[in-house]
PDB file of N, CA and C in Angstrom:
ATOM      1  N   MET A   1      98.359 129.722 116.847  1.00  0.00           N
ATOM      2  CA  MET A   1      97.797 128.456 117.307  1.00  0.00           C
ATOM      3  C   MET A   1      98.930 127.484 117.593  1.00  0.00           C
ATOM      4  N   PRO A   2      98.884 126.802 118.718  1.00  0.00           N
ATOM      5  CA  PRO A   2      99.970 125.922 119.106  1.00  0.00           C
ATOM      6  C   PRO A   2     100.021 124.604 118.354  1.00  0.00           C
ATOM      7  N   TRP A   3      98.914 124.205 117.710  1.00  0.00           N
ATOM      8  CA  TRP A   3      98.906 122.898 117.035  1.00  0.00           C
ATOM      9  C   TRP A   3      99.770 122.954 115.794  1.00  0.00           C
ATOM     10  N   GLN A   4     100.687 121.993 115.651  1.00  0.00           N
ATOM     11  CA  GLN A   4     101.649 121.978 114.557  1.00  0.00           C
ATOM     12  C   GLN A   4     101.375 120.888 113.517  1.00  0.00           C
ATOM     13  N   GLY A   5     100.443 119.989 113.811  1.00  0.00           N
ATOM     14  CA  GLY A   5     100.233 118.834 112.949  1.00  0.00           C
ATOM     15  C   GLY A   5      99.318 119.100 111.767  1.00  0.00           C
ATOM     16  N   THR A   6      99.242 118.124 110.876  1.00  0.00           N
ATOM     17  CA  THR A   6      98.347 118.173 109.727  1.00  0.00           C
ATOM     18  C   THR A   6      96.923 117.880 110.187  1.00  0.00           C
ATOM     19  N   LEU A   7      95.941 118.433 109.489  1.00  0.00           N
ATOM     20  CA  LEU A   7      94.541 118.317 109.888  1.00  0.00           C
ATOM     21  C   LEU A   7      93.782 117.363 108.963  1.00  0.00           C
ATOM     22  N   TYR A   8      92.941 116.511 109.537  1.00  0.00           N
ATOM     23  CA  TYR A   8      92.177 115.515 108.790  1.00  0.00           C
ATOM     24  C   TYR A   8      90.741 115.461 109.301  1.00  0.00           C
ATOM     25  N   THR A   9      89.832 114.940 108.470  1.00  0.00           N
ATOM     26  CA  THR A   9      88.462 114.674 108.879  1.00  0.00           C
ATOM     27  C   THR A   9      88.464 113.424 109.759  1.00  0.00           C
ATOM     28  N   PHE A  10      87.741 113.474 110.879  1.00  0.00           N
ATOM     29  CA  PHE A  10      87.731 112.358 111.822  1.00  0.00           C
ATOM     30  C   PHE A  10      86.619 111.385 111.467  1.00  0.00           C
ATOM     31  N   ASN A  11      86.962 110.394 110.664  1.00  0.00           N
ATOM     32  CA  ASN A  11      86.056 109.290 110.355  1.00  0.00           C
ATOM     33  C   ASN A  11      86.905 108.061 110.068  1.00  0.00           C
ATOM     34  N   ARG A  12      86.278 106.907 110.031  1.00  0.00           N
ATOM     35  CA  ARG A  12      87.009 105.640 109.883  1.00  0.00           C
ATOM     36  C   ARG A  12      87.840 105.620 108.601  1.00  0.00           C
ATOM     37  N   SER A  13      87.281 106.052 107.483  1.00  0.00           N
ATOM     38  CA  SER A  13      88.017 105.999 106.206  1.00  0.00           C
ATOM     39  C   SER A  13      89.284 106.836 106.248  1.00  0.00           C
ATOM     40  N   THR A  14      89.173 108.043 106.804  1.00  0.00           N
ATOM     41  CA  THR A  14      90.336 108.926 106.848  1.00  0.00           C
ATOM     42  C   THR A  14      91.374 108.411 107.828  1.00  0.00           C
ATOM     43  N   VAL A  15      90.936 107.889 108.968  1.00  0.00           N
ATOM     44  CA  VAL A  15      91.894 107.316 109.925  1.00  0.00           C
ATOM     45  C   VAL A  15      92.625 106.146 109.272  1.00  0.00           C
ATOM     46  N   ILE A  16      91.909 105.281 108.576  1.00  0.00           N
ATOM     47  CA  ILE A  16      92.551 104.134 107.916  1.00  0.00           C
ATOM     48  C   ILE A  16      93.525 104.608 106.837  1.00  0.00           C
ATOM     49  N   ALA A  17      93.144 105.635 106.092  1.00  0.00           N
ATOM     50  CA  ALA A  17      94.000 106.130 105.008  1.00  0.00           C
ATOM     51  C   ALA A  17      95.179 106.962 105.512  1.00  0.00           C
ATOM     52  N   SER A  18      94.990 107.717 106.602  1.00  0.00           N
ATOM     53  CA  SER A  18      95.993 108.707 106.988  1.00  0.00           C
ATOM     54  C   SER A  18      96.512 108.602 108.413  1.00  0.00           C
ATOM     55  N   GLY A  19      95.891 107.797 109.230  1.00  0.00           N
ATOM     56  CA  GLY A  19      96.339 107.678 110.624  1.00  0.00           C
ATOM     57  C   GLY A  19      97.667 106.941 110.700  1.00  0.00           C
ATOM     58  N   PRO A  20      98.639 107.527 111.397  1.00  0.00           N
ATOM     59  CA  PRO A  20      99.964 106.897 111.474  1.00  0.00           C
ATOM     60  C   PRO A  20     100.001 105.747 112.477  1.00  0.00           C
ATOM     61  N   ARG A  21     100.754 104.759 112.166  1.00  0.00           N
ATOM     62  CA  ARG A  21     100.943 103.623 113.075  1.00  0.00           C
ATOM     63  C   ARG A  21     102.213 103.828 113.903  1.00  0.00           C
ATOM     64  N   TRP A  22     102.477 105.077 114.224  1.00  0.00           N
ATOM     65  CA  TRP A  22     103.672 105.451 114.991  1.00  0.00           C
ATOM     66  C   TRP A  22     103.255 106.219 116.228  1.00  0.00           C
ATOM     67  N   ALA A  23     104.231 106.484 117.066  1.00  0.00           N
ATOM     68  CA  ALA A  23     103.998 107.195 118.323  1.00  0.00           C
ATOM     69  C   ALA A  23     103.879 108.693 118.090  1.00  0.00           C
ATOM     70  N   GLY A  24     103.063 109.328 118.942  1.00  0.00           N
ATOM     71  CA  GLY A  24     102.931 110.771 118.862  1.00  0.00           C
ATOM     72  C   GLY A  24     101.797 111.293 119.699  1.00  0.00           C
ATOM     73  N   VAL A  25     101.492 112.554 119.482  1.00  0.00           N
ATOM     74  CA  VAL A  25     100.411 113.262 120.157  1.00  0.00           C
ATOM     75  C   VAL A  25      99.331 113.527 119.112  1.00  0.00           C
ATOM     76  N   TYR A  26      98.072 113.446 119.521  1.00  0.00           N
ATOM     77  CA  TYR A  26      96.987 113.703 118.573  1.00  0.00           C
ATOM     78  C   TYR A  26      95.933 114.590 119.232  1.00  0.00           C
ATOM     79  N   ALA A  27      95.144 115.238 118.405  1.00  0.00           N
ATOM     80  CA  ALA A  27      94.080 116.121 118.876  1.00  0.00           C
ATOM     81  C   ALA A  27      92.799 115.807 118.122  1.00  0.00           C
ATOM     82  N   LEU A  28      91.678 115.942 118.831  1.00  0.00           N
ATOM     83  CA  LEU A  28      90.348 115.813 118.233  1.00  0.00           C
ATOM     84  C   LEU A  28      89.609 117.127 118.464  1.00  0.00           C
ATOM     85  N   TRP A  29      88.839 117.586 117.469  1.00  0.00           N
ATOM     86  CA  TRP A  29      88.094 118.836 117.594  1.00  0.00           C
ATOM     87  C   TRP A  29      86.847 118.816 116.736  1.00  0.00           C
ATOM     88  N   ARG A  30      86.005 119.775 116.986  1.00  0.00           N
ATOM     89  CA  ARG A  30      84.842 120.051 116.144  1.00  0.00           C
ATOM     90  C   ARG A  30      84.722 121.570 116.063  1.00  0.00           C
ATOM     91  N   ASP A  31      84.684 122.080 114.843  1.00  0.00           N
ATOM     92  CA  ASP A  31      84.625 123.521 114.610  1.00  0.00           C
ATOM     93  C   ASP A  31      85.780 124.187 115.358  1.00  0.00           C
ATOM     94  N   ASP A  32      85.494 125.130 116.227  1.00  0.00           N
ATOM     95  CA  ASP A  32      86.544 125.817 116.992  1.00  0.00           C
ATOM     96  C   ASP A  32      86.667 125.275 118.408  1.00  0.00           C
ATOM     97  N   ARG A  33      86.133 124.104 118.656  1.00  0.00           N
ATOM     98  CA  ARG A  33      86.111 123.522 120.006  1.00  0.00           C
ATOM     99  C   ARG A  33      87.090 122.353 120.084  1.00  0.00           C
ATOM    100  N   TRP A  34      88.081 122.465 120.966  1.00  0.00           N
ATOM    101  CA  TRP A  34      89.027 121.366 121.194  1.00  0.00           C
ATOM    102  C   TRP A  34      88.341 120.343 122.082  1.00  0.00           C
ATOM    103  N   ILE A  35      88.328 119.095 121.646  1.00  0.00           N
ATOM    104  CA  ILE A  35      87.615 118.050 122.371  1.00  0.00           C
ATOM    105  C   ILE A  35      88.551 117.191 123.207  1.00  0.00           C
ATOM    106  N   TYR A  36      89.658 116.739 122.615  1.00  0.00           N
ATOM    107  CA  TYR A  36      90.543 115.832 123.345  1.00  0.00           C
ATOM    108  C   TYR A  36      91.955 115.914 122.795  1.00  0.00           C
ATOM    109  N   ILE A  37      92.930 115.866 123.695  1.00  0.00           N
ATOM    110  CA  ILE A  37      94.350 115.757 123.345  1.00  0.00           C
ATOM    111  C   ILE A  37      94.842 114.467 123.981  1.00  0.00           C
ATOM    112  N   GLY A  38      95.518 113.629 123.210  1.00  0.00           N
ATOM    113  CA  GLY A  38      96.057 112.380 123.740  1.00  0.00           C
ATOM    114  C   GLY A  38      97.410 112.074 123.149  1.00  0.00           C
ATOM    115  N   GLN A  39      98.011 111.019 123.670  1.00  0.00           N
ATOM    116  CA  GLN A  39      99.285 110.561 123.124  1.00  0.00           C
ATOM    117  C   GLN A  39      99.274 109.038 123.157  1.00  0.00           C
ATOM    118  N   SER A  40      99.990 108.443 122.214  1.00  0.00           N
ATOM    119  CA  SER A  40      99.961 106.992 122.098  1.00  0.00           C
ATOM    120  C   SER A  40     101.204 106.484 121.382  1.00  0.00           C
ATOM    121  N   GLU A  41     101.532 105.235 121.653  1.00  0.00           N
ATOM    122  CA  GLU A  41     102.599 104.544 120.914  1.00  0.00           C
ATOM    123  C   GLU A  41     102.148 104.257 119.482  1.00  0.00           C
ATOM    124  N   ASN A  42     100.838 104.149 119.271  1.00  0.00           N
ATOM    125  CA  ASN A  42     100.279 103.862 117.952  1.00  0.00           C
ATOM    126  C   ASN A  42      99.018 104.712 117.771  1.00  0.00           C
ATOM    127  N   ILE A  43      99.178 105.858 117.144  1.00  0.00           N
ATOM    128  CA  ILE A  43      98.073 106.806 116.983  1.00  0.00           C
ATOM    129  C   ILE A  43      96.912 106.168 116.211  1.00  0.00           C
ATOM    130  N   PHE A  44      97.210 105.411 115.171  1.00  0.00           N
ATOM    131  CA  PHE A  44      96.188 104.742 114.350  1.00  0.00           C
ATOM    132  C   PHE A  44      95.253 103.912 115.221  1.00  0.00           C
ATOM    133  N   ASP A  45      95.821 103.017 116.020  1.00  0.00           N
ATOM    134  CA  ASP A  45      95.001 102.155 116.877  1.00  0.00           C
ATOM    135  C   ASP A  45      94.162 102.967 117.854  1.00  0.00           C
ATOM    136  N   ARG A  46      94.753 103.993 118.430  1.00  0.00           N
ATOM    137  CA  ARG A  46      94.044 104.796 119.428  1.00  0.00           C
ATOM    138  C   ARG A  46      92.881 105.564 118.794  1.00  0.00           C
ATOM    139  N   LEU A  47      93.091 106.103 117.604  1.00  0.00           N
ATOM    140  CA  LEU A  47      92.005 106.815 116.923  1.00  0.00           C
ATOM    141  C   LEU A  47      90.847 105.870 116.599  1.00  0.00           C
ATOM    142  N   LEU A  48      91.175 104.654 116.162  1.00  0.00           N
ATOM    143  CA  LEU A  48      90.116 103.673 115.894  1.00  0.00           C
ATOM    144  C   LEU A  48      89.349 103.327 117.162  1.00  0.00           C
ATOM    145  N   GLU A  49      90.041 103.256 118.298  1.00  0.00           N
ATOM    146  CA  GLU A  49      89.353 103.011 119.571  1.00  0.00           C
ATOM    147  C   GLU A  49      88.374 104.148 119.862  1.00  0.00           C
ATOM    148  N   HIS A  50      88.798 105.386 119.645  1.00  0.00           N
ATOM    149  CA  HIS A  50      87.902 106.516 119.872  1.00  0.00           C
ATOM    150  C   HIS A  50      86.688 106.451 118.941  1.00  0.00           C
ATOM    151  N   LEU A  51      86.896 106.036 117.703  1.00  0.00           N
ATOM    152  CA  LEU A  51      85.772 105.902 116.765  1.00  0.00           C
ATOM    153  C   LEU A  51      84.818 104.790 117.183  1.00  0.00           C
ATOM    154  N   SER A  52      85.298 103.852 117.984  1.00  0.00           N
ATOM    155  CA  SER A  52      84.460 102.753 118.480  1.00  0.00           C
ATOM    156  C   SER A  52      83.760 103.120 119.779  1.00  0.00           C
ATOM    157  N   ALA A  53      83.690 104.415 120.071  1.00  0.00           N
ATOM    158  CA  ALA A  53      82.965 104.937 121.232  1.00  0.00           C
ATOM    159  C   ALA A  53      83.544 104.440 122.553  1.00  0.00           C
ATOM    160  N   ASP A  54      84.874 104.513 122.696  1.00  0.00           N
ATOM    161  CA  ASP A  54      85.507 104.057 123.928  1.00  0.00           C
ATOM    162  C   ASP A  54      85.474 105.098 125.043  1.00  0.00           C
ATOM    163  N   ASP A  55      85.047 106.321 124.733  1.00  0.00           N
ATOM    164  CA  ASP A  55      85.026 107.399 125.726  1.00  0.00           C
ATOM    165  C   ASP A  55      83.712 108.172 125.575  1.00  0.00           C
ATOM    166  N   ASP A  56      82.910 108.189 126.622  1.00  0.00           N
ATOM    167  CA  ASP A  56      81.587 108.825 126.555  1.00  0.00           C
ATOM    168  C   ASP A  56      81.666 110.305 126.191  1.00  0.00           C
ATOM    169  N   CYS A  57      82.625 111.016 126.755  1.00  0.00           N
ATOM    170  CA  CYS A  57      82.732 112.449 126.487  1.00  0.00           C
ATOM    171  C   CYS A  57      83.069 112.693 125.016  1.00  0.00           C
ATOM    172  N   ILE A  58      84.044 111.962 124.489  1.00  0.00           N
ATOM    173  CA  ILE A  58      84.429 112.134 123.084  1.00  0.00           C
ATOM    174  C   ILE A  58      83.244 111.794 122.179  1.00  0.00           C
ATOM    175  N   THR A  59      82.553 110.713 122.471  1.00  0.00           N
ATOM    176  CA  THR A  59      81.395 110.318 121.669  1.00  0.00           C
ATOM    177  C   THR A  59      80.320 111.406 121.699  1.00  0.00           C
ATOM    178  N   ARG A  60      80.044 111.935 122.863  1.00  0.00           N
ATOM    179  CA  ARG A  60      79.025 112.980 123.019  1.00  0.00           C
ATOM    180  C   ARG A  60      79.398 114.259 122.253  1.00  0.00           C
ATOM    181  N   GLU A  61      80.682 114.605 122.244  1.00  0.00           N
ATOM    182  CA  GLU A  61      81.139 115.838 121.592  1.00  0.00           C
ATOM    183  C   GLU A  61      81.258 115.716 120.067  1.00  0.00           C
ATOM    184  N   ARG A  62      81.216 114.490 119.542  1.00  0.00           N
ATOM    185  CA  ARG A  62      81.232 114.230 118.093  1.00  0.00           C
ATOM    186  C   ARG A  62      82.348 114.986 117.342  1.00  0.00           C
ATOM    187  N   PRO A  63      83.592 114.647 117.585  1.00  0.00           N
ATOM    188  CA  PRO A  63      84.666 115.347 116.876  1.00  0.00           C
ATOM    189  C   PRO A  63      84.542 115.182 115.362  1.00  0.00           C
ATOM    190  N   SER A  64      84.920 116.218 114.633  1.00  0.00           N
ATOM    191  CA  SER A  64      84.868 116.176 113.170  1.00  0.00           C
ATOM    192  C   SER A  64      86.255 116.196 112.552  1.00  0.00           C
ATOM    193  N   GLY A  65      87.268 116.489 113.351  1.00  0.00           N
ATOM    194  CA  GLY A  65      88.622 116.556 112.816  1.00  0.00           C
ATOM    195  C   GLY A  65      89.632 115.964 113.771  1.00  0.00           C
ATOM    196  N   PHE A  66      90.771 115.559 113.208  1.00  0.00           N
ATOM    197  CA  PHE A  66      91.890 115.097 114.023  1.00  0.00           C
ATOM    198  C   PHE A  66      93.183 115.561 113.382  1.00  0.00           C
ATOM    199  N   GLY A  67      94.193 115.600 114.198  1.00  0.00           N
ATOM    200  CA  GLY A  67      95.530 115.922 113.739  1.00  0.00           C
ATOM    201  C   GLY A  67      96.522 115.230 114.640  1.00  0.00           C
ATOM    202  N   PHE A  68      97.762 115.195 114.228  1.00  0.00           N
ATOM    203  CA  PHE A  68      98.766 114.519 115.041  1.00  0.00           C
ATOM    204  C   PHE A  68     100.141 115.116 114.792  1.00  0.00           C
ATOM    205  N   GLU A  69     100.999 114.901 115.750  1.00  0.00           N
ATOM    206  CA  GLU A  69     102.415 115.227 115.653  1.00  0.00           C
ATOM    207  C   GLU A  69     103.169 113.960 116.030  1.00  0.00           C
ATOM    208  N   LEU A  70     104.059 113.486 115.182  1.00  0.00           N
ATOM    209  CA  LEU A  70     104.827 112.286 115.478  1.00  0.00           C
ATOM    210  C   LEU A  70     105.956 112.638 116.440  1.00  0.00           C
ATOM    211  N   ILE A  71     105.999 111.930 117.577  1.00  0.00           N
ATOM    212  CA  ILE A  71     107.021 112.142 118.594  1.00  0.00           C
ATOM    213  C   ILE A  71     107.375 110.767 119.149  1.00  0.00           C
ATOM    214  N   ALA A  72     108.554 110.273 118.841  1.00  0.00           N
ATOM    215  CA  ALA A  72     108.949 108.921 119.239  1.00  0.00           C
ATOM    216  C   ALA A  72     109.238 108.810 120.738  1.00  0.00           C
ATOM    217  N   ASP A  73     109.891 109.790 121.315  1.00  0.00           N
ATOM    218  CA  ASP A  73     110.322 109.735 122.704  1.00  0.00           C
ATOM    219  C   ASP A  73     109.129 109.879 123.655  1.00  0.00           C
ATOM    220  N   ALA A  74     108.971 108.917 124.575  1.00  0.00           N
ATOM    221  CA  ALA A  74     107.817 108.900 125.484  1.00  0.00           C
ATOM    222  C   ALA A  74     107.767 110.140 126.378  1.00  0.00           C
ATOM    223  N   LEU A  75     108.883 110.567 126.912  1.00  0.00           N
ATOM    224  CA  LEU A  75     108.893 111.749 127.779  1.00  0.00           C
ATOM    225  C   LEU A  75     108.539 113.011 127.007  1.00  0.00           C
ATOM    226  N   ALA A  76     109.035 113.120 125.786  1.00  0.00           N
ATOM    227  CA  ALA A  76     108.711 114.279 124.942  1.00  0.00           C
ATOM    228  C   ALA A  76     107.227 114.276 124.574  1.00  0.00           C
ATOM    229  N   ARG A  77     106.656 113.096 124.328  1.00  0.00           N
ATOM    230  CA  ARG A  77     105.217 112.982 124.031  1.00  0.00           C
ATOM    231  C   ARG A  77     104.382 113.458 125.211  1.00  0.00           C
ATOM    232  N   GLU A  78     104.728 112.974 126.389  1.00  0.00           N
ATOM    233  CA  GLU A  78     103.984 113.358 127.588  1.00  0.00           C
ATOM    234  C   GLU A  78     104.080 114.865 127.826  1.00  0.00           C
ATOM    235  N   ALA A  79     105.256 115.424 127.618  1.00  0.00           N
ATOM    236  CA  ALA A  79     105.432 116.870 127.803  1.00  0.00           C
ATOM    237  C   ALA A  79     104.607 117.655 126.795  1.00  0.00           C
ATOM    238  N   ARG A  80     104.624 117.232 125.538  1.00  0.00           N
ATOM    239  CA  ARG A  80     103.854 117.934 124.504  1.00  0.00           C
ATOM    240  C   ARG A  80     102.357 117.799 124.759  1.00  0.00           C
ATOM    241  N   GLU A  81     101.910 116.607 125.160  1.00  0.00           N
ATOM    242  CA  GLU A  81     100.501 116.410 125.484  1.00  0.00           C
ATOM    243  C   GLU A  81     100.084 117.382 126.593  1.00  0.00           C
ATOM    244  N   GLY A  82     100.862 117.450 127.661  1.00  0.00           N
ATOM    245  CA  GLY A  82     100.554 118.349 128.769  1.00  0.00           C
ATOM    246  C   GLY A  82     100.526 119.810 128.337  1.00  0.00           C
ATOM    247  N   GLU A  83     101.476 120.189 127.500  1.00  0.00           N
ATOM    248  CA  GLU A  83     101.528 121.563 126.993  1.00  0.00           C
ATOM    249  C   GLU A  83     100.251 121.901 126.220  1.00  0.00           C
ATOM    250  N   LEU A  84      99.842 121.005 125.333  1.00  0.00           N
ATOM    251  CA  LEU A  84      98.648 121.246 124.526  1.00  0.00           C
ATOM    252  C   LEU A  84      97.377 121.259 125.373  1.00  0.00           C
ATOM    253  N   ILE A  85      97.291 120.377 126.365  1.00  0.00           N
ATOM    254  CA  ILE A  85      96.116 120.353 127.241  1.00  0.00           C
ATOM    255  C   ILE A  85      96.012 121.679 128.001  1.00  0.00           C
ATOM    256  N   ARG A  86      97.128 122.158 128.539  1.00  0.00           N
ATOM    257  CA  ARG A  86      97.112 123.422 129.282  1.00  0.00           C
ATOM    258  C   ARG A  86      96.747 124.597 128.382  1.00  0.00           C
ATOM    259  N   GLU A  87      97.234 124.571 127.159  1.00  0.00           N
ATOM    260  CA  GLU A  87      97.006 125.706 126.252  1.00  0.00           C
ATOM    261  C   GLU A  87      95.626 125.681 125.601  1.00  0.00           C
ATOM    262  N   LEU A  88      95.167 124.500 125.177  1.00  0.00           N
ATOM    263  CA  LEU A  88      93.919 124.400 124.416  1.00  0.00           C
ATOM    264  C   LEU A  88      92.686 124.122 125.271  1.00  0.00           C
ATOM    265  N   LEU A  89      92.884 123.599 126.479  1.00  0.00           N
ATOM    266  CA  LEU A  89      91.781 123.292 127.402  1.00  0.00           C
ATOM    267  C   LEU A  89      90.685 122.450 126.752  1.00  0.00           C
ATOM    268  N   PRO A  90      91.025 121.273 126.201  1.00  0.00           N
ATOM    269  CA  PRO A  90      90.003 120.433 125.569  1.00  0.00           C
ATOM    270  C   PRO A  90      88.956 119.967 126.577  1.00  0.00           C
ATOM    271  N   VAL A  91      87.714 119.912 126.133  1.00  0.00           N
ATOM    272  CA  VAL A  91      86.599 119.622 127.044  1.00  0.00           C
ATOM    273  C   VAL A  91      86.602 118.211 127.610  1.00  0.00           C
ATOM    274  N   CYS A  92      87.236 117.249 126.968  1.00  0.00           N
ATOM    275  CA  CYS A  92      87.205 115.856 127.444  1.00  0.00           C
ATOM    276  C   CYS A  92      88.488 115.428 128.149  1.00  0.00           C
ATOM    277  N   ASN A  93      89.428 116.326 128.351  1.00  0.00           N
ATOM    278  CA  ASN A  93      90.598 116.002 129.159  1.00  0.00           C
ATOM    279  C   ASN A  93      90.319 116.473 130.585  1.00  0.00           C
ATOM    280  N   PRO A  94      90.606 115.628 131.576  1.00  0.00           N
ATOM    281  CA  PRO A  94      90.392 116.054 132.962  1.00  0.00           C
ATOM    282  C   PRO A  94      91.248 117.284 133.277  1.00  0.00           C
ATOM    283  N   PRO A  95      90.710 118.175 134.116  1.00  0.00           N
ATOM    284  CA  PRO A  95      91.480 119.378 134.480  1.00  0.00           C
ATOM    285  C   PRO A  95      92.699 119.064 135.314  1.00  0.00           C
TER     286      PRO A  95
END
């Protein structure tokens, strides 16, 4: 499996307790289904936005887990995000 990050339950309490306020790539999933791969300067803020139903597809798919990899460099983040999207084919990332 290409995902290298730690795995967490995707809910507000866990994001507040464990979501990093740093840059990196993150993934959302439910069971064996990859829902979304993203990257952000602040993963914590972005995960909270997703929990606030900012994306119809993510809301509809009801992710149950999240994970992240901390990557400070913007170009490296974009490259890793693209790699994971191509490999995992998450349902809410545009083709």
